[in-house]
């Protein structure tokens, strides 16, 4: 009969696994996590559960703030023409914008979704609820959301920086990426205070901070309307 691992063994196994995924947990997060699990559960399952849960937290309260795992404090300095981030740094998404489509068109798409409509070419069609959102790579217009995207990112220490998608990165999109999702930046290029996102320099870990995402999506239509310079009652 297999013996149950000790609390220390489980803690170490989970900690090392999360470090390998570039989300090194704080000791306080591990202490809070351990009472919620059964020690006789397979270690692999416990590691996956721990990863899922930490990806749904605020990095500032759950992940180590060691200097090697956070952004330089002056990363947004526009006077620095070009630099590269050393190693792997995990950040969370605070905002994402599809700058490849006008804000007005995105606003119209959201209204169409609310009416239960999608567009096919120039034709507006009604869709059943179960037929919507079957492909996360498509927007409400039925067209692929190709971006490019502009993101606001934050590290475990709270430092924020804007990032720009230089090429299409799998998993990055308004429909695919939740607010609070975690990304790993690897030796990423920073130009004039903006991180350049390229396939080779970013990994999407996923996750979501539920409260942040709900608030962002609830306010997104009004935000697009405001930024598009519209007034109440216009656009009819």
C-alpha atoms as a PDB file:
ATOM      1  CA  UNK A   1       0.000   0.000   0.000  1.00  0.00           C
ATOM      2  CA  UNK A   2       1.330   3.418  -0.949  1.00  0.00           C
ATOM      3  CA  UNK A   3       2.158   5.666   1.972  1.00  0.00           C
ATOM      4  CA  UNK A   4       0.692   9.140   2.264  1.00  0.00           C
ATOM      5  CA  UNK A   5       3.235  11.888   1.678  1.00  0.00           C
ATOM      6  CA  UNK A   6       3.978  14.194   4.582  1.00  0.00           C
ATOM      7  CA  UNK A   7       2.831  17.798   4.619  1.00  0.00           C
ATOM      8  CA  UNK A   8       6.405  18.941   4.080  1.00  0.00           C
ATOM      9  CA  UNK A   9       6.884  16.646   1.087  1.00  0.00           C
ATOM     10  CA  UNK A  10       3.645  17.848  -0.496  1.00  0.00           C
ATOM     11  CA  UNK A  11       4.505  21.469   0.202  1.00  0.00           C
ATOM     12  CA  UNK A  12       7.933  21.099  -1.386  1.00  0.00           C
ATOM     13  CA  UNK A  13       6.574  19.239  -4.424  1.00  0.00           C
ATOM     14  CA  UNK A  14       3.930  21.891  -5.041  1.00  0.00           C
ATOM     15  CA  UNK A  15       6.358  24.728  -4.468  1.00  0.00           C
ATOM     16  CA  UNK A  16       8.923  23.339  -6.912  1.00  0.00           C
ATOM     17  CA  UNK A  17       6.243  22.694  -9.522  1.00  0.00           C
ATOM     18  CA  UNK A  18       4.930  26.263  -9.319  1.00  0.00           C
ATOM     19  CA  UNK A  19       8.473  27.606  -9.543  1.00  0.00           C
ATOM     20  CA  UNK A  20       8.947  25.555 -12.728  1.00  0.00           C
ATOM     21  CA  UNK A  21       5.830  27.246 -14.113  1.00  0.00           C
ATOM     22  CA  UNK A  22       7.262  30.681 -13.269  1.00  0.00           C
ATOM     23  CA  UNK A  23       4.748  31.418 -10.520  1.00  0.00           C
ATOM     24  CA  UNK A  24       6.946  30.956  -7.418  1.00  0.00           C
ATOM     25  CA  UNK A  25       4.481  31.045  -4.510  1.00  0.00           C
ATOM     26  CA  UNK A  26       4.951  32.960  -1.297  1.00  0.00           C
ATOM     27  CA  UNK A  27       5.155  30.896   1.869  1.00  0.00           C
ATOM     28  CA  UNK A  28       1.928  32.472   3.105  1.00  0.00           C
ATOM     29  CA  UNK A  29       0.075  31.394  -0.047  1.00  0.00           C
ATOM     30  CA  UNK A  30       1.342  27.824   0.369  1.00  0.00           C
ATOM     31  CA  UNK A  31       0.309  27.793   4.027  1.00  0.00           C
ATOM     32  CA  UNK A  32      -3.210  28.894   3.096  1.00  0.00           C
ATOM     33  CA  UNK A  33      -3.418  26.381   0.240  1.00  0.00           C
ATOM     34  CA  UNK A  34      -2.342  23.244   2.104  1.00  0.00           C
ATOM     35  CA  UNK A  35      -5.348  22.962   4.495  1.00  0.00           C
ATOM     36  CA  UNK A  36      -7.679  22.862   1.468  1.00  0.00           C
ATOM     37  CA  UNK A  37      -6.237  19.630   0.032  1.00  0.00           C
ATOM     38  CA  UNK A  38      -6.102  15.947   0.951  1.00  0.00           C
ATOM     39  CA  UNK A  39      -2.570  14.651   1.421  1.00  0.00           C
ATOM     40  CA  UNK A  40      -3.500  11.240  -0.025  1.00  0.00           C
ATOM     41  CA  UNK A  41      -4.372  12.826  -3.386  1.00  0.00           C
ATOM     42  CA  UNK A  42      -1.797  12.082  -6.122  1.00  0.00           C
ATOM     43  CA  UNK A  43       0.931  14.716  -6.168  1.00  0.00           C
ATOM     44  CA  UNK A  44       0.387  15.456  -9.870  1.00  0.00           C
ATOM     45  CA  UNK A  45      -3.257  16.291  -9.220  1.00  0.00           C
ATOM     46  CA  UNK A  46      -2.322  18.522  -6.283  1.00  0.00           C
ATOM     47  CA  UNK A  47       0.231  20.353  -8.422  1.00  0.00           C
ATOM     48  CA  UNK A  48      -2.330  20.998 -11.162  1.00  0.00           C
ATOM     49  CA  UNK A  49      -4.850  22.222  -8.594  1.00  0.00           C
ATOM     50  CA  UNK A  50      -2.276  24.559  -7.072  1.00  0.00           C
ATOM     51  CA  UNK A  51      -1.409  25.989 -10.499  1.00  0.00           C
ATOM     52  CA  UNK A  52      -5.066  26.549 -11.339  1.00  0.00           C
ATOM     53  CA  UNK A  53      -5.702  28.353  -8.066  1.00  0.00           C
ATOM     54  CA  UNK A  54      -2.632  30.566  -8.131  1.00  0.00           C
ATOM     55  CA  UNK A  55      -3.449  31.655 -11.688  1.00  0.00           C
ATOM     56  CA  UNK A  56      -6.747  32.965 -10.332  1.00  0.00           C
ATOM     57  CA  UNK A  57      -5.105  35.145  -7.680  1.00  0.00           C
ATOM     58  CA  UNK A  58      -3.658  38.635  -7.626  1.00  0.00           C
ATOM     59  CA  UNK A  59       0.090  38.114  -8.184  1.00  0.00           C
ATOM     60  CA  UNK A  60       0.832  40.815  -5.640  1.00  0.00           C
ATOM     61  CA  UNK A  61      -0.490  38.623  -2.841  1.00  0.00           C
ATOM     62  CA  UNK A  62       0.516  35.149  -4.004  1.00  0.00           C
ATOM     63  CA  UNK A  63       3.804  35.209  -5.921  1.00  0.00           C
ATOM     64  CA  UNK A  64       7.366  35.962  -4.835  1.00  0.00           C
ATOM     65  CA  UNK A  65       8.598  39.502  -5.386  1.00  0.00           C
ATOM     66  CA  UNK A  66      12.248  38.520  -5.747  1.00  0.00           C
ATOM     67  CA  UNK A  67      14.175  40.921  -7.984  1.00  0.00           C
ATOM     68  CA  UNK A  68      14.697  38.244 -10.639  1.00  0.00           C
ATOM     69  CA  UNK A  69      10.944  37.677 -11.012  1.00  0.00           C
ATOM     70  CA  UNK A  70       9.687  41.263 -11.355  1.00  0.00           C
ATOM     71  CA  UNK A  71       9.944  44.096 -13.848  1.00  0.00           C
ATOM     72  CA  UNK A  72      12.557  46.851 -13.507  1.00  0.00           C
ATOM     73  CA  UNK A  73      11.030  49.754 -11.584  1.00  0.00           C
ATOM     74  CA  UNK A  74      11.850  52.126 -14.474  1.00  0.00           C
ATOM     75  CA  UNK A  75      10.581  49.837 -17.232  1.00  0.00           C
ATOM     76  CA  UNK A  76       8.153  52.459 -18.583  1.00  0.00           C
ATOM     77  CA  UNK A  77      10.856  55.122 -18.995  1.00  0.00           C
ATOM     78  CA  UNK A  78      10.385  56.472 -22.550  1.00  0.00           C
ATOM     79  CA  UNK A  79      13.931  57.832 -22.704  1.00  0.00           C
ATOM     80  CA  UNK A  80      15.345  54.273 -22.742  1.00  0.00           C
ATOM     81  CA  UNK A  81      15.395  53.494 -26.447  1.00  0.00           C
ATOM     82  CA  UNK A  82      15.740  49.728 -26.140  1.00  0.00           C
ATOM     83  CA  UNK A  83      16.453  47.037 -23.547  1.00  0.00           C
ATOM     84  CA  UNK A  84      15.772  43.374 -22.935  1.00  0.00           C
ATOM     85  CA  UNK A  85      14.209  41.874 -19.837  1.00  0.00           C
ATOM     86  CA  UNK A  86      16.440  39.229 -18.274  1.00  0.00           C
ATOM     87  CA  UNK A  87      15.006  35.738 -17.857  1.00  0.00           C
ATOM     88  CA  UNK A  88      11.351  34.940 -17.223  1.00  0.00           C
ATOM     89  CA  UNK A  89       8.999  37.412 -15.548  1.00  0.00           C
ATOM     90  CA  UNK A  90       5.346  36.616 -14.856  1.00  0.00           C
ATOM     91  CA  UNK A  91       2.786  39.400 -15.171  1.00  0.00           C
ATOM     92  CA  UNK A  92      -0.986  39.677 -15.014  1.00  0.00           C
ATOM     93  CA  UNK A  93      -3.321  41.364 -17.507  1.00  0.00           C
ATOM     94  CA  UNK A  94      -5.153  44.456 -16.255  1.00  0.00           C
ATOM     95  CA  UNK A  95      -6.509  45.616 -19.610  1.00  0.00           C
ATOM     96  CA  UNK A  96      -6.532  44.524 -23.248  1.00  0.00           C
ATOM     97  CA  UNK A  97      -7.597  46.453 -26.326  1.00  0.00           C
ATOM     98  CA  UNK A  98      -7.926  45.336 -29.939  1.00  0.00           C
ATOM     99  CA  UNK A  99      -6.348  48.261 -31.763  1.00  0.00           C
ATOM    100  CA  UNK A 100      -6.772  46.534 -35.106  1.00  0.00           C
ATOM    101  CA  UNK A 101     -10.495  47.399 -35.076  1.00  0.00           C
ATOM    102  CA  UNK A 102     -12.080  50.768 -34.417  1.00  0.00           C
ATOM    103  CA  UNK A 103     -13.639  51.308 -31.010  1.00  0.00           C
ATOM    104  CA  UNK A 104     -16.926  52.136 -32.689  1.00  0.00           C
ATOM    105  CA  UNK A 105     -16.984  48.815 -34.570  1.00  0.00           C
ATOM    106  CA  UNK A 106     -16.212  46.955 -31.339  1.00  0.00           C
ATOM    107  CA  UNK A 107     -19.028  48.845 -29.607  1.00  0.00           C
ATOM    108  CA  UNK A 108     -21.420  47.826 -32.400  1.00  0.00           C
ATOM    109  CA  UNK A 109     -20.268  44.206 -32.108  1.00  0.00           C
ATOM    110  CA  UNK A 110     -21.060  44.162 -28.397  1.00  0.00           C
ATOM    111  CA  UNK A 111     -24.528  45.576 -29.032  1.00  0.00           C
ATOM    112  CA  UNK A 112     -25.089  42.918 -31.705  1.00  0.00           C
ATOM    113  CA  UNK A 113     -24.128  40.211 -29.232  1.00  0.00           C
ATOM    114  CA  UNK A 114     -26.619  41.604 -26.734  1.00  0.00           C
ATOM    115  CA  UNK A 115     -29.318  41.380 -29.430  1.00  0.00           C
ATOM    116  CA  UNK A 116     -28.279  37.799 -30.181  1.00  0.00           C
ATOM    117  CA  UNK A 117     -26.963  38.689 -33.618  1.00  0.00           C
ATOM    118  CA  UNK A 118     -23.841  38.004 -35.609  1.00  0.00           C
ATOM    119  CA  UNK A 119     -22.853  39.272 -39.039  1.00  0.00           C
ATOM    120  CA  UNK A 120     -22.019  37.134 -42.035  1.00  0.00           C
ATOM    121  CA  UNK A 121     -20.566  39.363 -44.684  1.00  0.00           C
ATOM    122  CA  UNK A 122     -23.082  42.227 -44.862  1.00  0.00           C
ATOM    123  CA  UNK A 123     -25.923  40.071 -43.641  1.00  0.00           C
ATOM    124  CA  UNK A 124     -27.116  40.192 -40.030  1.00  0.00           C
ATOM    125  CA  UNK A 125     -28.264  36.811 -38.789  1.00  0.00           C
ATOM    126  CA  UNK A 126     -29.883  35.683 -35.567  1.00  0.00           C
ATOM    127  CA  UNK A 127     -28.119  32.932 -33.671  1.00  0.00           C
ATOM    128  CA  UNK A 128     -29.317  30.554 -31.010  1.00  0.00           C
ATOM    129  CA  UNK A 129     -27.624  30.892 -27.641  1.00  0.00           C
ATOM    130  CA  UNK A 130     -25.951  27.524 -27.948  1.00  0.00           C
ATOM    131  CA  UNK A 131     -24.427  28.531 -31.285  1.00  0.00           C
ATOM    132  CA  UNK A 132     -22.644  31.609 -29.958  1.00  0.00           C
ATOM    133  CA  UNK A 133     -19.060  31.686 -28.735  1.00  0.00           C
ATOM    134  CA  UNK A 134     -18.293  28.207 -30.045  1.00  0.00           C
ATOM    135  CA  UNK A 135     -14.948  29.424 -31.351  1.00  0.00           C
ATOM    136  CA  UNK A 136     -12.959  31.588 -28.950  1.00  0.00           C
ATOM    137  CA  UNK A 137     -10.827  32.903 -31.831  1.00  0.00           C
ATOM    138  CA  UNK A 138     -13.772  34.723 -33.387  1.00  0.00           C
ATOM    139  CA  UNK A 139     -15.435  37.980 -32.440  1.00  0.00           C
ATOM    140  CA  UNK A 140     -19.143  38.773 -32.458  1.00  0.00           C
ATOM    141  CA  UNK A 141     -18.866  39.560 -36.172  1.00  0.00           C
ATOM    142  CA  UNK A 142     -17.789  36.023 -36.940  1.00  0.00           C
ATOM    143  CA  UNK A 143     -14.396  37.327 -38.053  1.00  0.00           C
ATOM    144  CA  UNK A 144     -11.102  36.301 -36.487  1.00  0.00           C
ATOM    145  CA  UNK A 145      -9.938  38.859 -33.927  1.00  0.00           C
ATOM    146  CA  UNK A 146      -6.446  39.363 -35.297  1.00  0.00           C
ATOM    147  CA  UNK A 147      -5.517  42.473 -33.357  1.00  0.00           C
ATOM    148  CA  UNK A 148      -2.860  43.670 -32.899  1.00  0.00           C
ATOM    149  CA  UNK A 149      -3.588  44.067 -29.206  1.00  0.00           C
ATOM    150  CA  UNK A 150      -2.406  46.535 -26.617  1.00  0.00           C
ATOM    151  CA  UNK A 151      -2.233  45.261 -23.031  1.00  0.00           C
ATOM    152  CA  UNK A 152      -1.668  46.774 -19.622  1.00  0.00           C
ATOM    153  CA  UNK A 153       0.441  44.380 -17.553  1.00  0.00           C
ATOM    154  CA  UNK A 154       1.420  44.266 -13.881  1.00  0.00           C
ATOM    155  CA  UNK A 155       4.043  42.241 -12.032  1.00  0.00           C
ATOM    156  CA  UNK A 156       4.010  40.779  -8.521  1.00  0.00           C
ATOM    157  CA  UNK A 157       5.416  43.999  -7.070  1.00  0.00           C
ATOM    158  CA  UNK A 158       2.692  46.125  -8.645  1.00  0.00           C
ATOM    159  CA  UNK A 159       4.819  47.702 -11.392  1.00  0.00           C
ATOM    160  CA  UNK A 160       2.744  48.345 -14.506  1.00  0.00           C
ATOM    161  CA  UNK A 161       3.760  48.515 -18.154  1.00  0.00           C
ATOM    162  CA  UNK A 162       2.032  48.630 -21.515  1.00  0.00           C
ATOM    163  CA  UNK A 163       2.711  45.890 -24.047  1.00  0.00           C
ATOM    164  CA  UNK A 164       2.107  45.808 -27.793  1.00  0.00           C
ATOM    165  CA  UNK A 165       1.553  42.689 -29.893  1.00  0.00           C
ATOM    166  CA  UNK A 166       4.164  42.790 -32.666  1.00  0.00           C
ATOM    167  CA  UNK A 167       2.898  39.526 -34.117  1.00  0.00           C
ATOM    168  CA  UNK A 168      -0.137  37.360 -33.450  1.00  0.00           C
ATOM    169  CA  UNK A 169       0.402  35.501 -30.182  1.00  0.00           C
ATOM    170  CA  UNK A 170      -1.764  32.438 -29.611  1.00  0.00           C
ATOM    171  CA  UNK A 171      -4.143  32.973 -26.715  1.00  0.00           C
ATOM    172  CA  UNK A 172      -3.933  36.767 -26.803  1.00  0.00           C
ATOM    173  CA  UNK A 173      -7.258  38.345 -27.712  1.00  0.00           C
ATOM    174  CA  UNK A 174     -10.199  40.140 -26.146  1.00  0.00           C
ATOM    175  CA  UNK A 175     -12.322  36.981 -26.344  1.00  0.00           C
ATOM    176  CA  UNK A 176      -9.574  34.558 -25.291  1.00  0.00           C
ATOM    177  CA  UNK A 177      -7.754  36.387 -22.524  1.00  0.00           C
ATOM    178  CA  UNK A 178      -9.430  37.114 -19.198  1.00  0.00           C
ATOM    179  CA  UNK A 179      -8.542  40.051 -17.004  1.00  0.00           C
ATOM    180  CA  UNK A 180      -6.120  38.790 -14.383  1.00  0.00           C
ATOM    181  CA  UNK A 181      -4.703  36.177 -16.758  1.00  0.00           C
ATOM    182  CA  UNK A 182      -1.015  35.452 -16.327  1.00  0.00           C
ATOM    183  CA  UNK A 183       1.674  35.777 -19.002  1.00  0.00           C
ATOM    184  CA  UNK A 184       5.349  34.874 -18.809  1.00  0.00           C
ATOM    185  CA  UNK A 185       7.704  37.321 -20.530  1.00  0.00           C
ATOM    186  CA  UNK A 186      10.970  35.683 -21.592  1.00  0.00           C
ATOM    187  CA  UNK A 187      13.882  37.932 -22.578  1.00  0.00           C
ATOM    188  CA  UNK A 188      11.294  40.312 -24.036  1.00  0.00           C
ATOM    189  CA  UNK A 189      12.311  43.456 -25.896  1.00  0.00           C
ATOM    190  CA  UNK A 190      11.226  46.778 -24.389  1.00  0.00           C
ATOM    191  CA  UNK A 191      11.242  49.825 -26.656  1.00  0.00           C
ATOM    192  CA  UNK A 192      10.602  53.321 -25.300  1.00  0.00           C
ATOM    193  CA  UNK A 193       8.898  51.894 -22.223  1.00  0.00           C
ATOM    194  CA  UNK A 194       6.621  49.459 -24.076  1.00  0.00           C
ATOM    195  CA  UNK A 195       7.048  45.671 -24.064  1.00  0.00           C
ATOM    196  CA  UNK A 196       7.105  44.166 -27.546  1.00  0.00           C
ATOM    197  CA  UNK A 197       5.119  40.918 -27.523  1.00  0.00           C
ATOM    198  CA  UNK A 198       6.412  38.251 -29.906  1.00  0.00           C
ATOM    199  CA  UNK A 199       5.665  34.535 -30.111  1.00  0.00           C
ATOM    200  CA  UNK A 200       9.117  33.589 -28.850  1.00  0.00           C
ATOM    201  CA  UNK A 201       9.032  36.009 -25.916  1.00  0.00           C
ATOM    202  CA  UNK A 202       5.630  35.399 -24.318  1.00  0.00           C
ATOM    203  CA  UNK A 203       3.816  32.383 -22.897  1.00  0.00           C
ATOM    204  CA  UNK A 204       0.145  32.535 -21.954  1.00  0.00           C
ATOM    205  CA  UNK A 205      -0.416  30.682 -18.685  1.00  0.00           C
ATOM    206  CA  UNK A 206      -4.077  31.673 -18.479  1.00  0.00           C
ATOM    207  CA  UNK A 207      -6.139  32.178 -15.378  1.00  0.00           C
ATOM    208  CA  UNK A 208      -8.528  34.922 -14.343  1.00  0.00           C
ATOM    209  CA  UNK A 209      -9.267  37.158 -11.389  1.00  0.00           C
ATOM    210  CA  UNK A 210     -13.036  36.795 -11.390  1.00  0.00           C
ATOM    211  CA  UNK A 211     -13.935  40.152  -9.835  1.00  0.00           C
ATOM    212  CA  UNK A 212     -11.614  42.089 -12.140  1.00  0.00           C
ATOM    213  CA  UNK A 213     -12.822  40.342 -15.280  1.00  0.00           C
ATOM    214  CA  UNK A 214     -16.502  40.766 -14.403  1.00  0.00           C
ATOM    215  CA  UNK A 215     -16.042  44.492 -13.770  1.00  0.00           C
ATOM    216  CA  UNK A 216     -13.983  45.019 -16.942  1.00  0.00           C
ATOM    217  CA  UNK A 217     -16.461  43.231 -19.206  1.00  0.00           C
ATOM    218  CA  UNK A 218     -19.392  44.954 -17.543  1.00  0.00           C
ATOM    219  CA  UNK A 219     -17.888  48.367 -18.234  1.00  0.00           C
ATOM    220  CA  UNK A 220     -16.290  47.644 -21.606  1.00  0.00           C
ATOM    221  CA  UNK A 221     -19.148  48.829 -23.814  1.00  0.00           C
ATOM    222  CA  UNK A 222     -19.377  52.185 -22.072  1.00  0.00           C
ATOM    223  CA  UNK A 223     -15.595  52.522 -22.180  1.00  0.00           C
ATOM    224  CA  UNK A 224     -15.526  51.924 -25.929  1.00  0.00           C
ATOM    225  CA  UNK A 225     -18.379  54.373 -26.393  1.00  0.00           C
ATOM    226  CA  UNK A 226     -16.586  57.032 -24.359  1.00  0.00           C
ATOM    227  CA  UNK A 227     -13.248  56.566 -26.083  1.00  0.00           C
ATOM    228  CA  UNK A 228     -14.894  56.648 -29.482  1.00  0.00           C
ATOM    229  CA  UNK A 229     -16.065  60.153 -28.616  1.00  0.00           C
ATOM    230  CA  UNK A 230     -19.750  59.274 -28.773  1.00  0.00           C
ATOM    231  CA  UNK A 231     -22.505  61.037 -26.861  1.00  0.00           C
ATOM    232  CA  UNK A 232     -25.623  59.478 -25.416  1.00  0.00           C
ATOM    233  CA  UNK A 233     -28.267  59.152 -28.087  1.00  0.00           C
ATOM    234  CA  UNK A 234     -25.828  59.315 -31.012  1.00  0.00           C
ATOM    235  CA  UNK A 235     -25.036  56.596 -33.478  1.00  0.00           C
ATOM    236  CA  UNK A 236     -28.619  55.711 -34.202  1.00  0.00           C
END
